Protein backbone atom coordinates (compact mmCIF):
# COMPACT_ATOMS: atom_id res chain seq x y z
CA MET A 1 158.62 271.02 218.36
CA ALA A 2 162.26 270.33 219.24
CA ALA A 3 163.56 266.83 219.53
CA GLY A 4 165.61 267.49 222.66
CA ARG A 5 164.91 265.85 226.03
CA ASP A 6 163.73 269.13 227.60
CA SER A 7 160.83 269.26 225.15
CA ARG A 8 159.49 265.81 226.06
CA VAL A 9 156.08 265.89 227.72
CA ARG A 10 153.82 263.31 229.24
CA VAL A 11 150.44 263.55 227.63
CA GLY A 12 147.40 262.99 229.84
CA GLY A 13 144.34 261.13 228.47
CA LEU A 14 141.98 258.23 228.60
CA ARG A 15 143.12 254.73 229.56
CA ASP A 16 141.44 253.22 226.49
CA PHE A 17 143.53 255.34 224.07
CA ALA A 18 147.30 255.23 223.80
CA ILE A 19 148.31 258.78 222.83
CA VAL A 20 151.96 258.99 221.81
CA MET A 21 153.88 262.02 220.56
CA LEU A 22 156.74 261.35 218.12
CA ASP A 23 159.51 263.55 216.83
CA PRO A 24 160.04 263.84 213.05
CA VAL A 25 162.08 260.60 212.93
CA GLY A 26 159.64 258.56 214.99
CA GLN A 27 161.18 258.70 218.47
CA VAL A 28 158.74 258.76 221.40
CA ILE A 29 158.66 262.15 223.13
CA GLY A 30 155.24 262.01 224.80
CA TRP A 31 153.35 259.21 226.52
CA ASN A 32 149.99 259.13 228.29
CA GLY A 33 148.54 256.80 230.91
CA GLY A 34 146.48 255.02 228.27
CA ALA A 35 149.69 254.18 226.40
CA GLN A 36 151.19 252.67 229.54
CA HIS A 37 147.96 250.71 230.16
CA ILE A 38 147.75 249.35 226.60
CA LYS A 39 151.41 248.90 225.69
CA GLY A 40 152.88 248.07 229.10
CA TYR A 41 155.81 250.53 229.13
CA ARG A 42 156.32 253.21 231.78
CA ALA A 43 157.18 256.59 230.33
CA GLU A 44 160.80 256.44 231.51
CA GLU A 45 161.19 253.08 229.70
CA ILE A 46 159.98 254.26 226.31
CA LEU A 47 160.81 257.95 225.96
CA GLY A 48 163.55 258.44 223.38
CA ARG A 49 163.03 255.04 221.73
CA SER A 50 161.76 254.50 218.19
CA PHE A 51 158.06 253.81 217.87
CA ALA A 52 159.06 250.82 215.67
CA VAL A 53 159.32 248.85 218.92
CA PHE A 54 155.51 248.56 218.84
CA TYR A 55 155.54 246.77 215.44
CA PRO A 56 155.90 242.99 214.97
CA PRO A 57 159.42 242.06 213.78
CA GLU A 58 158.18 240.95 210.36
CA GLU A 59 156.66 244.40 209.73
CA VAL A 60 159.83 246.14 210.89
CA GLU A 61 161.78 244.05 208.37
CA ARG A 62 159.39 245.18 205.61
CA GLY A 63 159.94 248.84 206.60
CA GLU A 64 156.35 249.44 207.69
CA PRO A 65 157.16 252.03 210.43
CA ALA A 66 159.06 254.29 208.02
CA ARG A 67 156.37 253.85 205.33
CA HIS A 68 153.63 254.94 207.75
CA LEU A 69 155.58 258.06 208.73
CA ALA A 70 156.09 258.92 205.08
CA GLU A 71 152.39 258.42 204.24
CA ALA A 72 151.29 260.56 207.19
CA THR A 73 153.71 263.32 206.18
CA ALA A 74 152.43 263.30 202.61
CA ALA A 75 148.69 262.99 203.37
CA GLY A 76 148.51 264.73 206.74
CA HIS A 77 147.33 261.58 208.49
CA VAL A 78 146.86 257.85 207.91
CA GLU A 79 144.57 255.25 209.54
CA TYR A 80 145.31 251.57 209.62
CA GLN A 81 144.74 248.38 211.63
CA GLY A 82 147.11 245.59 212.42
CA TRP A 83 148.97 243.62 215.04
CA ARG A 84 151.02 245.57 217.57
CA VAL A 85 153.38 244.35 220.28
CA ARG A 86 153.31 245.03 224.03
CA LYS A 87 156.32 245.20 226.29
CA ASP A 88 155.85 241.56 227.35
CA GLY A 89 155.89 240.44 223.70
CA SER A 90 152.16 239.69 223.49
CA ARG A 91 150.27 240.98 220.49
CA PHE A 92 147.02 242.87 220.26
CA TRP A 93 144.96 244.10 217.32
CA ALA A 94 145.23 247.87 217.09
CA ASP A 95 143.32 250.64 215.40
CA VAL A 96 145.86 253.45 214.72
CA VAL A 97 145.54 257.06 213.58
CA LEU A 98 148.89 258.70 212.78
CA THR A 99 148.75 262.49 212.24
CA ALA A 100 151.59 264.71 211.10
CA VAL A 101 152.10 267.97 213.10
CA PHE A 102 153.44 270.99 211.17
CA ASP A 103 154.57 274.44 212.32
CA GLU A 104 153.24 277.69 210.88
CA ALA A 105 155.91 277.66 208.18
CA GLY A 106 154.90 274.15 207.09
CA GLY A 107 157.86 272.43 208.66
CA LEU A 108 157.33 268.96 210.17
CA ARG A 109 157.38 269.15 213.98
CA GLY A 110 156.53 265.47 214.57
CA PHE A 111 153.58 263.15 214.81
CA ARG A 112 150.64 262.39 217.07
CA LYS A 113 149.79 258.69 217.21
CA VAL A 114 146.52 257.50 218.75
CA THR A 115 146.18 253.73 219.24
CA ARG A 116 143.18 251.79 220.47
CA ASP A 117 143.19 248.11 221.46
CA ILE A 118 140.33 246.52 219.47
CA SER A 119 141.31 242.89 220.08
CA GLU A 120 137.94 242.00 221.58
CA ARG A 121 136.08 243.55 218.68
CA LYS A 122 138.39 241.86 216.20
CA GLU A 123 137.92 238.52 217.94
CA LEU A 124 134.15 239.03 217.77
CA GLU A 125 134.42 239.86 214.07
CA VAL A 126 136.46 236.69 213.51
CA GLN A 127 133.90 234.66 215.44
CA LEU A 128 131.04 236.17 213.47
CA ALA A 129 132.87 235.56 210.21
CA HIS A 130 133.45 231.95 211.29
CA LEU A 131 129.81 231.49 212.27
CA ALA A 132 128.72 232.90 208.93
CA VAL A 133 130.31 229.93 207.14
CA HIS A 134 130.30 227.22 209.82
CA ASP A 135 127.63 225.18 211.58
CA PRO A 136 127.46 226.31 215.23
CA LEU A 137 126.63 222.83 216.55
CA THR A 138 129.29 220.68 214.87
CA GLY A 139 131.81 223.33 213.81
CA LEU A 140 131.73 221.94 210.27
CA ALA A 141 131.39 224.06 207.15
CA ASN A 142 127.85 225.20 206.37
CA ARG A 143 126.07 225.45 203.01
CA THR A 144 127.62 228.85 202.17
CA LEU A 145 131.21 227.65 202.60
CA LEU A 146 130.37 224.30 200.95
CA VAL A 147 129.04 225.94 197.78
CA GLU A 148 132.05 228.28 197.68
CA ARG A 149 134.47 225.34 198.01
CA LEU A 150 132.64 223.39 195.32
CA GLU A 151 132.64 226.29 192.89
CA HIS A 152 136.39 226.75 193.40
CA ALA A 153 136.94 223.02 192.90
CA LEU A 154 135.03 223.12 189.63
CA VAL A 155 137.07 226.12 188.42
CA ARG A 156 140.31 224.27 189.23
CA LEU A 157 139.13 221.03 187.64
CA PRO A 158 140.52 221.65 184.14
CA ARG A 159 143.96 222.47 185.57
CA HIS A 160 144.04 219.60 188.08
CA PRO A 161 143.30 216.21 186.55
CA GLY A 162 141.09 213.94 188.61
CA THR A 163 137.55 213.66 189.84
CA VAL A 164 135.60 215.94 192.16
CA ALA A 165 133.17 213.84 194.20
CA VAL A 166 130.23 214.98 196.31
CA LEU A 167 128.80 212.59 198.91
CA PHE A 168 125.42 213.58 200.36
CA LEU A 169 124.57 211.84 203.66
CA ASP A 170 121.28 211.59 205.53
CA LEU A 171 121.29 209.84 208.92
CA ASP A 172 118.87 206.91 209.10
CA ARG A 173 116.27 206.93 211.90
CA PHE A 174 117.46 210.30 213.26
CA LYS A 175 113.89 211.42 213.93
CA LEU A 176 113.35 208.31 216.06
CA VAL A 177 116.32 209.27 218.26
CA ASN A 178 115.05 212.85 218.56
CA ASP A 179 111.52 211.76 219.42
CA THR A 180 112.62 209.01 221.83
CA LEU A 181 115.66 210.44 223.64
CA GLY A 182 115.10 214.18 223.14
CA HIS A 183 116.76 216.96 221.18
CA ASP A 184 119.88 217.06 223.38
CA ALA A 185 120.57 213.45 222.44
CA GLY A 186 119.83 214.29 218.81
CA ASP A 187 122.35 217.14 218.90
CA GLU A 188 124.98 214.89 220.43
CA LEU A 189 124.33 212.32 217.69
CA LEU A 190 124.94 215.00 215.04
CA VAL A 191 128.20 216.02 216.72
CA GLN A 192 129.35 212.38 216.86
CA ALA A 193 128.43 211.87 213.21
CA GLY A 194 130.47 214.92 212.23
CA LEU A 195 133.52 213.64 214.12
CA LEU A 196 133.21 210.19 212.53
CA LEU A 197 133.00 211.67 209.05
CA ARG A 198 135.94 214.01 209.64
CA ALA A 199 138.05 211.04 210.76
CA ALA A 200 137.04 208.96 207.72
CA VAL A 201 138.28 211.33 205.01
CA ARG A 202 141.55 212.97 204.05
CA PRO A 203 142.68 216.22 205.75
CA GLU A 204 142.17 218.13 202.50
CA ASP A 205 138.58 216.91 202.06
CA MET A 206 135.69 219.07 203.26
CA VAL A 207 132.93 217.84 205.58
CA ALA A 208 129.90 220.13 205.83
CA ARG A 209 126.56 220.04 207.60
CA LEU A 210 123.66 221.41 205.58
CA GLY A 211 121.20 221.37 208.45
CA GLY A 212 119.06 218.79 210.21
CA ASP A 213 120.69 215.39 209.80
CA GLU A 214 122.20 216.09 206.36
CA PHE A 215 125.97 216.15 205.78
CA VAL A 216 128.09 216.57 202.65
CA VAL A 217 131.65 215.42 201.93
CA VAL A 218 133.64 216.98 199.07
CA CYS A 219 136.72 215.17 197.74
CA GLU A 220 138.97 216.54 195.01
CA GLU A 221 141.53 214.90 192.71
CA LEU A 222 140.28 211.35 193.14
CA ASP A 223 142.03 208.88 190.86
CA GLY A 224 139.19 207.21 189.00
CA HIS A 225 136.17 205.09 189.86
CA ALA A 226 137.99 202.66 192.15
CA GLU A 227 139.09 205.41 194.53
CA LEU A 228 135.60 206.93 194.41
CA GLU A 229 134.05 203.60 195.43
CA ALA A 230 136.62 203.27 198.21
CA VAL A 231 135.76 206.72 199.59
CA ALA A 232 132.02 206.00 199.41
CA HIS A 233 132.49 202.69 201.21
CA ARG A 234 134.74 204.26 203.85
CA VAL A 235 132.30 207.08 204.57
CA THR A 236 129.29 204.76 204.75
CA SER A 237 131.14 202.33 207.03
CA ALA A 238 132.46 205.13 209.27
CA VAL A 239 129.00 206.04 210.53
CA ARG A 240 127.72 202.47 210.79
CA VAL A 241 128.73 202.21 214.44
CA PRO A 242 127.10 202.19 217.89
CA VAL A 243 127.05 205.53 219.71
CA GLN A 244 126.43 206.08 223.42
CA LEU A 245 123.65 208.61 224.06
CA LEU A 246 122.41 209.29 227.59
CA GLY A 247 123.67 205.90 228.70
CA GLN A 248 121.91 204.12 225.85
CA GLU A 249 123.57 202.49 222.86
CA VAL A 250 122.23 203.76 219.53
CA PHE A 251 123.29 202.23 216.23
CA LEU A 252 124.10 204.93 213.71
CA SER A 253 123.91 204.54 209.94
CA ALA A 254 123.47 206.80 206.94
CA SER A 255 122.15 206.71 203.40
CA VAL A 256 124.71 208.20 201.02
CA GLY A 257 124.28 209.59 197.52
CA VAL A 258 127.42 210.00 195.42
CA VAL A 259 127.92 212.15 192.34
CA THR A 260 131.07 213.08 190.43
CA ALA A 261 132.09 216.03 188.25
CA THR A 262 134.70 215.38 185.59
CA GLU A 263 133.92 218.60 183.73
CA ARG A 264 132.64 222.04 184.64
CA GLY A 265 129.14 222.14 186.11
CA SER A 266 127.65 224.02 189.03
CA ALA A 267 127.79 223.40 192.76
CA VAL A 268 124.00 223.57 193.09
CA GLU A 269 123.53 220.95 190.36
CA LEU A 270 126.03 218.60 192.00
CA LEU A 271 124.34 218.90 195.38
CA HIS A 272 120.93 218.29 193.83
CA ASP A 273 122.14 215.18 192.01
CA ALA A 274 123.88 213.84 195.13
CA ASP A 275 120.68 214.44 197.10
CA THR A 276 118.73 212.53 194.46
CA ALA A 277 121.11 209.57 194.69
CA MET A 278 120.85 209.66 198.49
CA TYR A 279 117.09 209.15 198.30
CA GLN A 280 117.70 206.19 196.01
CA ALA A 281 120.01 204.69 198.66
CA LYS A 282 117.39 205.30 201.35
CA GLU A 283 114.71 203.57 199.28
CA GLN A 284 117.00 200.55 199.04
CA GLY A 285 116.89 200.18 202.82
CA GLY A 286 119.36 202.75 204.14
CA GLY A 287 122.85 202.19 205.51
CA ARG A 288 124.34 202.10 202.01
CA TYR A 289 125.41 204.34 199.14
CA ALA A 290 124.11 204.85 195.62
CA LEU A 291 125.93 206.37 192.66
CA PHE A 292 124.09 208.97 190.64
CA ASP A 293 123.53 208.38 186.93
CA GLU A 294 121.09 209.60 184.30
CA THR A 295 118.72 206.73 185.11
CA THR A 296 118.50 208.11 188.63
CA ARG A 297 117.76 211.59 187.27
CA THR A 298 115.05 210.21 184.98
CA GLY A 299 113.47 208.25 187.83
CA MET A 300 113.42 211.24 190.16
CA SER A 301 112.02 213.48 187.43
CA HIS A 302 109.27 210.93 186.96
CA ARG A 303 108.56 210.93 190.71
CA LEU A 304 108.49 214.73 190.76
CA GLN A 305 106.01 214.75 187.90
CA LEU A 306 103.90 212.12 189.67
CA SER A 307 103.87 214.12 192.90
CA SER A 308 102.74 217.25 191.07
CA GLU A 309 99.90 215.40 189.36
CA LEU A 310 98.86 213.54 192.53
CA HIS A 311 98.16 216.84 194.28
CA ARG A 312 95.45 217.42 191.66
CA ALA A 313 94.17 213.85 191.37
CA LEU A 314 91.53 214.21 194.08
CA GLU A 315 90.07 217.50 192.92
CA ARG A 316 90.01 216.27 189.32
CA GLY A 317 88.20 213.08 190.28
CA GLU A 318 90.93 210.80 188.91
CA LEU A 319 90.97 208.23 191.75
CA ARG A 320 89.06 204.99 191.20
CA ALA A 321 87.89 202.27 193.59
CA HIS A 322 88.35 198.66 192.54
CA TYR A 323 87.35 195.69 194.67
CA GLN A 324 88.59 192.14 195.23
CA THR A 325 86.25 189.59 196.74
CA LEU A 326 86.78 187.60 199.94
CA VAL A 327 85.21 184.13 199.91
CA ASP A 328 83.99 181.90 202.75
CA LEU A 329 86.13 178.75 202.34
CA ARG A 330 83.41 176.50 203.78
CA THR A 331 80.47 177.67 201.63
CA GLY A 332 82.14 179.38 198.66
CA GLU A 333 79.99 182.44 199.25
CA VAL A 334 81.33 185.94 198.66
CA VAL A 335 81.23 187.61 202.08
CA ALA A 336 83.22 190.78 201.53
CA ALA A 337 85.10 192.96 199.05
CA GLU A 338 88.41 194.67 199.74
CA ALA A 339 88.64 198.21 198.38
CA LEU A 340 91.75 198.80 196.29
CA MET A 341 92.73 202.23 194.98
CA ARG A 342 93.56 202.95 191.35
CA TRP A 343 94.58 206.21 189.66
CA GLN A 344 93.20 207.10 186.26
CA ARG A 345 96.22 209.12 185.20
CA PRO A 346 95.39 211.04 182.02
CA SER A 347 98.76 210.35 180.39
CA ASP A 348 99.16 206.66 181.36
CA GLY A 349 95.74 205.19 181.94
CA LEU A 350 94.81 203.17 185.03
CA LEU A 351 97.69 202.79 187.51
CA SER A 352 97.86 200.25 190.34
CA PRO A 353 98.83 201.37 193.89
CA GLY A 354 102.45 200.26 193.56
CA ALA A 355 102.98 202.88 190.86
CA PHE A 356 101.97 205.90 192.93
CA LEU A 357 101.26 205.24 196.63
CA GLY A 358 104.95 205.53 197.58
CA VAL A 359 105.07 208.98 195.99
CA ALA A 360 101.75 209.88 197.63
CA GLU A 361 103.26 209.01 201.01
CA ASP A 362 106.34 211.16 200.31
CA VAL A 363 104.20 214.21 199.52
CA GLY A 364 101.82 213.67 202.44
CA MET A 365 98.74 212.70 200.41
CA LEU A 366 98.04 209.23 201.84
CA VAL A 367 95.77 210.41 204.65
CA ASP A 368 93.59 212.31 202.15
CA PHE A 369 93.59 209.31 199.81
CA ASP A 370 92.58 206.99 202.68
CA ALA A 371 89.70 209.32 203.58
CA TRP A 372 88.48 209.34 199.97
CA MET A 373 88.75 205.56 199.75
CA MET A 374 86.75 205.09 202.95
CA ARG A 375 83.92 207.39 201.85
CA THR A 376 83.74 205.78 198.42
CA ALA A 377 83.88 202.20 199.72
CA CYS A 378 81.19 202.82 202.33
CA GLN A 379 78.90 204.40 199.74
CA ASP A 380 79.44 201.58 197.22
CA THR A 381 78.78 198.93 199.86
CA ALA A 382 75.61 200.64 201.06
CA ASP A 383 74.41 200.70 197.43
CA TRP A 384 75.17 196.98 197.07
CA ARG A 385 73.26 196.13 200.20
CA ARG A 386 70.19 198.11 199.13
CA ARG A 387 70.32 196.66 195.62
CA PHE A 388 70.83 192.99 196.48
CA GLY A 389 69.17 192.87 199.90
CA ARG A 390 71.92 190.89 201.62
CA PRO A 391 74.81 191.76 203.95
CA VAL A 392 78.09 192.55 202.24
CA GLU A 393 81.20 193.66 204.10
CA VAL A 394 83.82 196.06 202.75
CA TRP A 395 87.47 196.04 203.84
CA VAL A 396 89.46 199.29 203.62
CA ASN A 397 93.23 199.60 204.12
CA LEU A 398 94.65 202.31 206.39
CA CYS A 399 98.21 203.62 206.17
CA GLY A 400 100.28 204.24 209.31
CA ARG A 401 99.80 208.00 209.10
CA SER A 402 96.03 207.64 209.05
CA LEU A 403 96.16 205.40 212.10
CA ALA A 404 98.25 207.99 213.96
CA ASP A 405 95.92 210.85 212.98
CA PRO A 406 93.66 211.89 215.90
CA ALA A 407 90.96 212.82 213.36
CA LEU A 408 90.64 209.21 212.11
CA PRO A 409 87.61 208.15 214.24
CA GLY A 410 85.77 211.30 213.14
CA ARG A 411 86.44 210.56 209.47
CA VAL A 412 85.23 206.97 209.87
CA ALA A 413 82.05 208.14 211.62
CA ASP A 414 81.46 210.71 208.88
CA ALA A 415 81.85 208.11 206.10
CA LEU A 416 79.38 205.77 207.85
CA ASP A 417 76.91 208.59 208.45
CA ARG A 418 77.01 209.83 204.84
CA SER A 419 76.44 206.36 203.41
CA GLN A 420 74.08 205.12 206.13
CA LEU A 421 76.15 201.92 206.17
CA ASP A 422 75.89 199.57 209.13
CA PRO A 423 79.23 200.03 211.03
CA GLY A 424 79.56 196.25 211.38
CA SER A 425 79.90 196.01 207.59
CA LEU A 426 83.14 198.04 207.58
CA THR A 427 86.47 196.38 208.36
CA LEU A 428 89.63 198.49 208.58
CA GLU A 429 92.88 196.74 207.62
CA ILE A 430 96.08 197.81 209.37
CA THR A 431 99.54 196.29 208.90
CA GLU A 432 101.49 194.81 211.78
CA GLY A 433 104.20 197.46 211.41
CA ALA A 434 101.72 200.33 211.66
CA LEU A 435 100.10 198.78 214.72
CA MET A 436 103.37 198.38 216.60
CA ARG A 437 104.89 201.77 215.72
CA ASP A 438 103.30 203.22 218.85
CA ALA A 439 101.50 200.24 220.33
CA ALA A 440 100.26 201.99 223.48
CA ALA A 441 98.63 204.85 221.55
CA THR A 442 97.33 202.45 218.89
CA VAL A 443 95.33 200.48 221.46
CA GLY A 444 93.43 203.64 222.38
CA THR A 445 92.68 204.52 218.74
CA LEU A 446 91.49 201.02 217.93
CA THR A 447 89.28 200.98 221.01
CA THR A 448 87.63 204.23 219.87
CA LEU A 449 87.06 202.76 216.41
CA CYS A 450 85.53 199.61 217.89
CA GLU A 451 83.16 201.77 219.90
CA LEU A 452 81.84 203.02 216.56
CA GLY A 453 80.99 199.41 215.73
CA VAL A 454 83.52 198.81 212.92
CA GLN A 455 85.64 195.66 212.59
CA LEU A 456 89.46 195.64 212.66
CA ALA A 457 91.90 193.32 210.90
CA ILE A 458 95.69 192.96 210.98
CA ASP A 459 97.01 192.74 207.41
CA ASP A 460 100.15 190.85 206.29
CA PHE A 461 100.21 188.98 209.60
CA GLY A 462 103.35 186.96 210.28
CA THR A 463 105.83 189.33 208.62
CA GLY A 464 105.95 192.02 211.31
CA TYR A 465 107.03 192.06 214.93
CA SER A 466 103.89 192.21 217.06
CA SER A 467 104.04 190.42 220.39
CA LEU A 468 101.31 188.04 221.49
CA ALA A 469 100.79 190.19 224.57
CA TYR A 470 99.89 193.20 222.44
CA LEU A 471 97.89 191.06 220.02
CA GLN A 472 95.68 190.05 222.93
CA ARG A 473 95.25 193.73 223.93
CA PHE A 474 94.39 194.95 220.45
CA PRO A 475 90.61 194.88 219.88
CA VAL A 476 90.97 193.18 216.49
CA HIS A 477 88.56 190.78 214.84
CA ALA A 478 90.59 189.16 212.06
CA LEU A 479 94.10 188.22 210.91
CA LYS A 480 95.12 188.11 207.26
CA VAL A 481 97.88 185.53 206.69
CA ASP A 482 100.55 187.14 204.53
CA MET A 483 100.55 185.89 200.94
CA SER A 484 104.25 184.96 201.13
CA PHE A 485 103.32 182.01 203.36
CA VAL A 486 100.38 181.00 201.20
CA ALA A 487 102.50 181.11 198.04
CA GLN A 488 104.77 178.34 199.34
CA LEU A 489 102.04 175.94 200.41
CA ASP A 490 102.19 174.04 197.10
CA ALA A 491 105.97 174.35 196.69
CA VAL A 492 108.51 171.55 197.20
CA ALA A 493 108.00 169.37 200.26
CA ASP A 494 110.32 171.09 202.80
CA GLN A 495 109.14 174.61 201.98
CA ALA A 496 105.51 173.54 201.96
CA ARG A 497 105.83 171.85 205.36
CA GLY A 498 107.55 174.89 206.89
CA ASN A 499 104.97 177.35 205.65
CA ALA A 500 102.11 175.03 206.52
CA ALA A 501 103.44 174.97 210.09
CA ILE A 502 103.50 178.80 210.18
CA VAL A 503 99.98 179.08 208.81
CA SER A 504 98.79 176.41 211.23
CA ALA A 505 100.32 178.35 214.13
CA ILE A 506 98.60 181.55 213.01
CA VAL A 507 95.29 179.72 212.76
CA GLY A 508 95.88 178.37 216.26
CA VAL A 509 96.50 181.86 217.63
CA GLY A 510 93.41 183.12 215.85
CA VAL A 511 91.18 180.35 217.16
CA ALA A 512 92.46 180.90 220.70
CA LEU A 513 91.65 184.63 220.46
CA ASP A 514 88.35 184.05 218.62
CA LEU A 515 89.55 185.78 215.44
CA ARG A 516 88.69 185.12 211.81
CA ILE A 517 91.65 183.95 209.74
CA ILE A 518 91.89 185.12 206.13
CA ALA A 519 94.39 183.60 203.68
CA GLU A 520 95.38 186.13 201.02
CA GLY A 521 97.23 185.59 197.76
CA ILE A 522 95.57 182.29 196.77
CA GLU A 523 96.53 181.70 193.15
CA THR A 524 96.24 177.91 192.66
CA SER A 525 93.84 175.10 193.49
CA GLY A 526 96.60 173.51 195.61
CA GLN A 527 96.93 176.64 197.75
CA LEU A 528 93.16 176.83 198.11
CA ALA A 529 93.00 173.21 199.31
CA ALA A 530 95.91 173.73 201.70
CA VAL A 531 94.54 176.83 203.46
CA THR A 532 91.11 175.17 203.72
CA ASP A 533 92.63 172.07 205.31
CA LEU A 534 94.67 174.21 207.72
CA GLY A 535 91.49 175.80 209.05
CA CYS A 536 91.48 179.27 207.47
CA HIS A 537 87.99 180.73 207.42
CA VAL A 538 88.13 183.09 204.43
CA GLY A 539 90.22 183.17 201.25
CA GLN A 540 91.27 185.88 198.82
CA GLY A 541 93.40 185.86 195.69
CA PHE A 542 93.42 185.74 191.90
CA PHE A 543 92.22 182.13 191.93
CA LEU A 544 89.02 183.25 193.66
CA GLY A 545 88.56 186.61 191.98
CA ARG A 546 90.65 189.42 190.51
CA PRO A 547 90.23 193.09 191.43
CA ALA A 548 87.57 194.75 189.33
CA ALA A 549 85.67 198.00 189.03
CA ARG A 550 82.48 198.50 191.05
CA GLU A 551 80.15 197.76 188.20
CA ASP A 552 81.93 194.48 187.43
CA ILE A 553 82.33 193.27 191.00
CA VAL A 554 78.58 193.50 191.51
CA LEU A 555 78.19 190.43 189.31
CA ALA A 556 80.11 188.41 191.88
CA VAL A 557 77.70 189.38 194.64
CA PRO A 558 74.61 187.16 194.34
C-alpha cells in the first residue's frame, strides 16, 4: 500500500467502530464514518496526520504511539485499552486493536486500527468496583475495604511508629427510630451519622459502615494514649447531636468501643475486640466510649460461656425456683410467696438472677425462662394449697419480652390448667418500664390476662415514668413500692422525710384506685414500722423472710 495521497481511501463501516487505516509510519490514510462519529474529525481534517493526535499528551511524551506500532509490527497485532482524545479535547475510554498489514513479500504496507468507545462500560465497571468496597447508602467504605485498610495498616505499623486505633460505633436507640418513624427516616439517620463521623476525624482516617447501625473508624499513627482518648471523645461527641427527621427532632448518640494495635495482629481480631468494648459501653448506659483491655476480653468470654450453658439449662433441668414470702402488715400472716429464679450451674453452684438473667435476655431465653417459672410456681402453689388447706398466692415476674409476646395469655392459661390452681391465686408482676414501652398494646394484653382471673401488680413503682392516666386504665390490682424508697425510711431526718412523702403519695394513689400497696426491701425494724405507719398493706424483705427453696419456704406457711 503506497503512502501517497492517491492511495488514500475512505473506509465504510459501523458507527460504533472507528476503523482507521495507517501507513507504515502511522499517518492516517483511511477513515470511516464510525471514526468521524467517535473521534469528531471529518476525513479531510485528519487524513495525512499522525495517529498520535488521538493519544493524550502524556502518552505521546512517553512514546506510546511509536511503541504500539513497533509491537504490532513484531507480533502481527496488539490489543490494549486506555484513554483517547477527541477533536474537542474530551477523553473517552477506548478498546483498540492495531493490526499490521503486510504484502506478499512480507513488507509492511501499514496498519489497520479498530477503536471502540467503551466509556459507558468502563464507567459501569468503575461503579461496580466502587460498590464492591463501599456502602451504597452512605458511600462509606464497607467491611471488605475496611479489613483491607486495617491489614495494610498493621503491615506498615513496624515502619511507622505510632498507634493504630479502631473505634467501633453502634447507634443508640436506632431500632426505636426505625420502628417509630419508618425505614426511610432510619436510612436518613444513618446517612447523617456517616457525615458527622467523617467531619469529626482527620482526612486520612477511614470511616466505614459495617451494616445496620454499626460504623467503624480507623486512625493510624496516633501519638500515644492522650491522642487516642481525644479521638474517642471527639467521635462520641460528634454524634451526640439532634437530627431533623421528617420534621421531628431526634437526639442521636452512639456507644463506642475502642481498641489499639501497637504490634502486629489481625484486622478481624481488632474488630472483634472493638465490638466487645462497644457492648461494654452500651451496658454502661450508651452515649459513651469504653477502652478494650484483657479484663473486657475475660468478661465477654465469661458471658459467651454463660450463654452457651444457658441454652442447655432448661433441658438439663438446672433451673430452680426459690420463694420469698409476702406478709400482711396488719396481722403478720404470710399471704403470698414471690417466685424467684435460680440457676444450679454445674461449675459454680447456685446462681442468683443478677448473675445470668442479663445474658439470658441477650440470647433470647427470657421468655422461655418466664414460661418455666410460671408453670413451676403454679404447680408448687397448688401443692401448698392442697397440703395446708388454706389460700396461698404466688407472685411471678414477667420480663418485657414476655409481656409483648402474643402467646402470653395462652401460656398463663396452660400453667393454670396443668396445676389446677385457682387463677385468683396467681399475681403477675410487671415493671413500670415494661408497661409503658407500648402502653396502648399493654392495656389490651393485661385486659386479656384479667379475663383469665389472674391478678396484676406493677413492680418497682415510683422509679419509672407511667402517667396517672394510664395507671387508671391499666387493670392492675397492686403496686409494689420500690425498695430504694423503703431503704431511706430510717435514714437521716431529711432523707427519711422525703422518702416518707413519696411512699405516702404512692399509698394515696393506691387507696384512691383501690389497689393493694406492697413495700419491698424491708430490712430493719425501723423500715417495717415506717411502712406500716404509712399505710402499706403488705411487706416483703429480708427482715420478714429471705428467699428459700420450696421445701424450706413451706415451713413459713402455717
